[in-house]
N, C-alpha and C. Protein backbone atom coordinates (compact mmCIF):
# COMPACT_ATOMS: atom_id res chain seq x y z
N UNK A 1 65.69 246.84 8.99
CA UNK A 1 67.13 246.78 9.04
C UNK A 1 67.57 245.31 9.04
N UNK A 2 66.85 244.42 9.66
CA UNK A 2 67.24 243.00 9.64
C UNK A 2 67.19 242.44 8.20
N UNK A 3 66.23 242.85 7.45
CA UNK A 3 66.15 242.42 6.08
C UNK A 3 67.31 242.89 5.29
N UNK A 4 67.68 244.15 5.53
CA UNK A 4 68.72 244.81 4.75
C UNK A 4 70.10 244.10 5.05
N UNK A 5 70.34 243.58 6.22
CA UNK A 5 71.61 242.93 6.53
C UNK A 5 71.56 241.39 6.44
N UNK A 6 70.42 240.87 5.93
CA UNK A 6 70.31 239.49 5.72
C UNK A 6 69.91 238.64 6.86
N UNK A 7 69.33 239.20 7.88
CA UNK A 7 68.94 238.48 9.10
C UNK A 7 67.45 238.39 9.29
N UNK A 8 66.70 238.60 8.20
CA UNK A 8 65.23 238.54 8.27
C UNK A 8 64.82 237.20 8.82
N UNK A 9 63.91 237.21 9.73
CA UNK A 9 63.34 235.95 10.32
C UNK A 9 64.15 235.41 11.46
N UNK A 10 65.41 235.93 11.67
CA UNK A 10 66.31 235.44 12.71
C UNK A 10 66.20 236.35 13.98
N UNK A 11 66.09 237.61 13.78
CA UNK A 11 65.99 238.58 14.89
C UNK A 11 64.66 239.27 14.88
N UNK A 12 64.22 239.64 16.07
CA UNK A 12 62.96 240.36 16.25
C UNK A 12 63.29 241.70 16.82
N UNK A 13 62.25 242.57 16.87
CA UNK A 13 62.36 243.87 17.49
C UNK A 13 62.84 243.69 18.93
N UNK A 14 62.32 242.69 19.60
CA UNK A 14 62.69 242.53 21.02
C UNK A 14 64.06 242.02 21.21
N UNK A 15 64.60 241.26 20.25
CA UNK A 15 66.05 240.89 20.32
C UNK A 15 66.90 242.18 20.25
N UNK A 16 66.54 242.97 19.31
CA UNK A 16 67.29 244.23 19.13
C UNK A 16 67.15 245.20 20.28
N UNK A 17 65.97 245.24 20.84
CA UNK A 17 65.77 246.10 22.06
C UNK A 17 66.57 245.60 23.24
N UNK A 18 66.62 244.30 23.37
CA UNK A 18 67.45 243.64 24.45
C UNK A 18 68.87 244.08 24.36
N UNK A 19 69.47 243.93 23.17
CA UNK A 19 70.87 244.28 22.93
C UNK A 19 71.07 245.80 23.18
N UNK A 20 70.10 246.61 22.64
CA UNK A 20 70.23 248.04 22.77
C UNK A 20 70.17 248.51 24.29
N UNK A 21 69.28 247.94 25.03
CA UNK A 21 69.25 248.30 26.45
C UNK A 21 70.49 247.95 27.20
N UNK A 22 70.99 246.74 26.88
CA UNK A 22 72.18 246.25 27.58
C UNK A 22 73.40 247.18 27.20
N UNK A 23 73.45 247.63 25.97
CA UNK A 23 74.59 248.46 25.54
C UNK A 23 74.46 249.92 26.05
N UNK A 24 73.21 250.37 26.21
CA UNK A 24 73.02 251.76 26.72
C UNK A 24 73.17 251.87 28.19
N UNK A 25 72.94 250.76 28.89
CA UNK A 25 72.98 250.81 30.37
C UNK A 25 74.20 251.44 31.00
N UNK A 26 75.44 251.08 30.52
CA UNK A 26 76.63 251.64 31.19
C UNK A 26 76.70 253.11 31.02
N UNK A 27 76.02 253.65 30.08
CA UNK A 27 76.10 255.13 29.82
C UNK A 27 75.11 255.94 30.68
N UNK A 28 74.37 255.25 31.55
CA UNK A 28 73.38 255.91 32.39
C UNK A 28 73.69 255.69 33.88
N UNK A 29 73.28 256.57 34.72
CA UNK A 29 73.57 256.49 36.18
C UNK A 29 72.78 255.41 36.85
N UNK A 30 71.53 255.24 36.45
CA UNK A 30 70.71 254.23 37.09
C UNK A 30 69.60 253.76 36.15
N UNK A 31 68.82 252.81 36.60
CA UNK A 31 67.81 252.23 35.76
C UNK A 31 66.72 253.19 35.42
N UNK A 32 66.46 254.19 36.33
CA UNK A 32 65.39 255.15 36.07
C UNK A 32 65.81 256.07 34.89
N UNK A 33 67.08 256.45 34.82
CA UNK A 33 67.55 257.30 33.72
C UNK A 33 67.49 256.49 32.43
N UNK A 34 67.90 255.24 32.50
CA UNK A 34 67.91 254.35 31.30
C UNK A 34 66.44 254.20 30.83
N UNK A 35 65.48 254.05 31.78
CA UNK A 35 64.07 253.88 31.42
C UNK A 35 63.57 255.09 30.61
N UNK A 36 64.03 256.28 31.01
CA UNK A 36 63.62 257.51 30.34
C UNK A 36 64.17 257.50 28.88
N UNK A 37 65.34 256.98 28.70
CA UNK A 37 65.93 256.90 27.37
C UNK A 37 65.21 255.92 26.48
N UNK A 38 64.93 254.72 27.01
CA UNK A 38 64.34 253.61 26.29
C UNK A 38 62.80 253.75 26.14
N UNK A 39 62.23 254.59 26.97
CA UNK A 39 60.76 254.71 26.93
C UNK A 39 59.98 253.73 27.79
N UNK A 40 60.65 253.01 28.66
CA UNK A 40 60.01 252.06 29.56
C UNK A 40 59.38 252.85 30.66
N UNK A 41 58.14 252.52 30.94
CA UNK A 41 57.33 253.17 32.04
C UNK A 41 57.54 252.42 33.36
N UNK A 42 57.84 251.16 33.27
CA UNK A 42 57.98 250.27 34.39
C UNK A 42 59.41 249.74 34.45
N UNK A 43 60.19 250.08 35.48
CA UNK A 43 61.57 249.60 35.57
C UNK A 43 61.64 248.02 35.62
N UNK A 44 60.60 247.41 36.07
CA UNK A 44 60.64 245.89 36.04
C UNK A 44 60.62 245.36 34.62
N UNK A 45 59.98 246.02 33.67
CA UNK A 45 60.00 245.55 32.30
C UNK A 45 61.41 245.83 31.70
N UNK A 46 61.99 246.94 32.07
CA UNK A 46 63.29 247.24 31.64
C UNK A 46 64.34 246.19 32.08
N UNK A 47 64.19 245.71 33.29
CA UNK A 47 65.11 244.68 33.75
C UNK A 47 64.99 243.38 32.97
N UNK A 48 63.88 243.19 32.31
CA UNK A 48 63.71 241.98 31.46
C UNK A 48 64.68 242.13 30.24
N UNK A 49 64.83 243.29 29.75
CA UNK A 49 65.68 243.50 28.55
C UNK A 49 67.16 243.77 28.91
N UNK A 50 67.40 244.26 30.11
CA UNK A 50 68.75 244.55 30.47
C UNK A 50 69.46 243.42 31.17
N UNK A 51 70.41 242.81 30.58
CA UNK A 51 71.16 241.67 31.17
C UNK A 51 72.65 241.86 31.04
N UNK A 52 73.24 242.60 31.96
CA UNK A 52 74.66 242.75 31.85
C UNK A 52 75.42 241.48 32.28
N UNK A 53 76.65 241.29 31.75
CA UNK A 53 77.41 240.12 32.08
C UNK A 53 77.94 240.39 33.52
N UNK A 54 78.33 239.27 34.17
CA UNK A 54 78.88 239.39 35.55
C UNK A 54 80.20 240.16 35.53
N UNK A 55 80.93 239.96 34.48
CA UNK A 55 82.24 240.71 34.36
C UNK A 55 81.96 242.21 34.31
N UNK A 56 80.97 242.64 33.55
CA UNK A 56 80.63 244.07 33.48
C UNK A 56 80.18 244.62 34.83
N UNK A 57 79.32 243.82 35.55
CA UNK A 57 78.86 244.19 36.83
C UNK A 57 79.98 244.42 37.81
N UNK A 58 80.91 243.45 37.90
CA UNK A 58 82.03 243.55 38.77
C UNK A 58 82.86 244.81 38.43
N UNK A 59 83.09 245.02 37.17
CA UNK A 59 83.89 246.21 36.74
C UNK A 59 83.17 247.53 37.22
N UNK A 60 81.84 247.50 37.13
CA UNK A 60 81.10 248.77 37.54
C UNK A 60 81.24 248.94 39.05
N UNK A 61 81.15 247.89 39.79
CA UNK A 61 81.24 247.98 41.22
C UNK A 61 82.57 248.45 41.63
N UNK A 62 83.62 247.84 41.01
CA UNK A 62 84.98 248.19 41.37
C UNK A 62 85.30 249.68 41.04
N UNK A 63 84.77 250.13 39.88
CA UNK A 63 84.90 251.52 39.51
C UNK A 63 84.23 252.49 40.52
N UNK A 64 83.11 252.15 41.04
CA UNK A 64 82.41 252.92 42.05
C UNK A 64 83.20 252.88 43.33
N UNK A 65 83.77 251.79 43.72
CA UNK A 65 84.57 251.67 44.95
C UNK A 65 85.77 252.64 44.82
N UNK A 66 86.47 252.62 43.68
CA UNK A 66 87.59 253.52 43.42
C UNK A 66 87.22 254.94 43.53
N UNK A 67 86.02 255.29 42.97
CA UNK A 67 85.59 256.68 42.96
C UNK A 67 85.24 257.13 44.35
N UNK A 68 84.68 256.23 45.17
CA UNK A 68 84.38 256.60 46.56
C UNK A 68 85.66 256.77 47.42
N UNK A 69 86.62 255.90 47.15
CA UNK A 69 87.89 255.98 47.90
C UNK A 69 88.63 257.25 47.55
N UNK A 70 88.52 257.69 46.28
CA UNK A 70 89.32 258.81 45.83
C UNK A 70 88.63 260.13 46.31
N UNK A 71 87.33 260.17 46.44
CA UNK A 71 86.68 261.41 46.71
C UNK A 71 86.16 261.48 48.12
């Protein structure tokens, strides 16, 4: 796919996996569910690829606070 879009030699499988894990993470309840989707057997390795921004983390925490307060 990298060759097809003209990025051959610039991106690796691991670069793409890193982006994929980070984008999939908000769609899952926890790292164990995400690990099942991505095929990681060890959550520690998954954490190497998953790097959310601090803004995203704060938004997730605030959303959970609102959900707990409402329910």
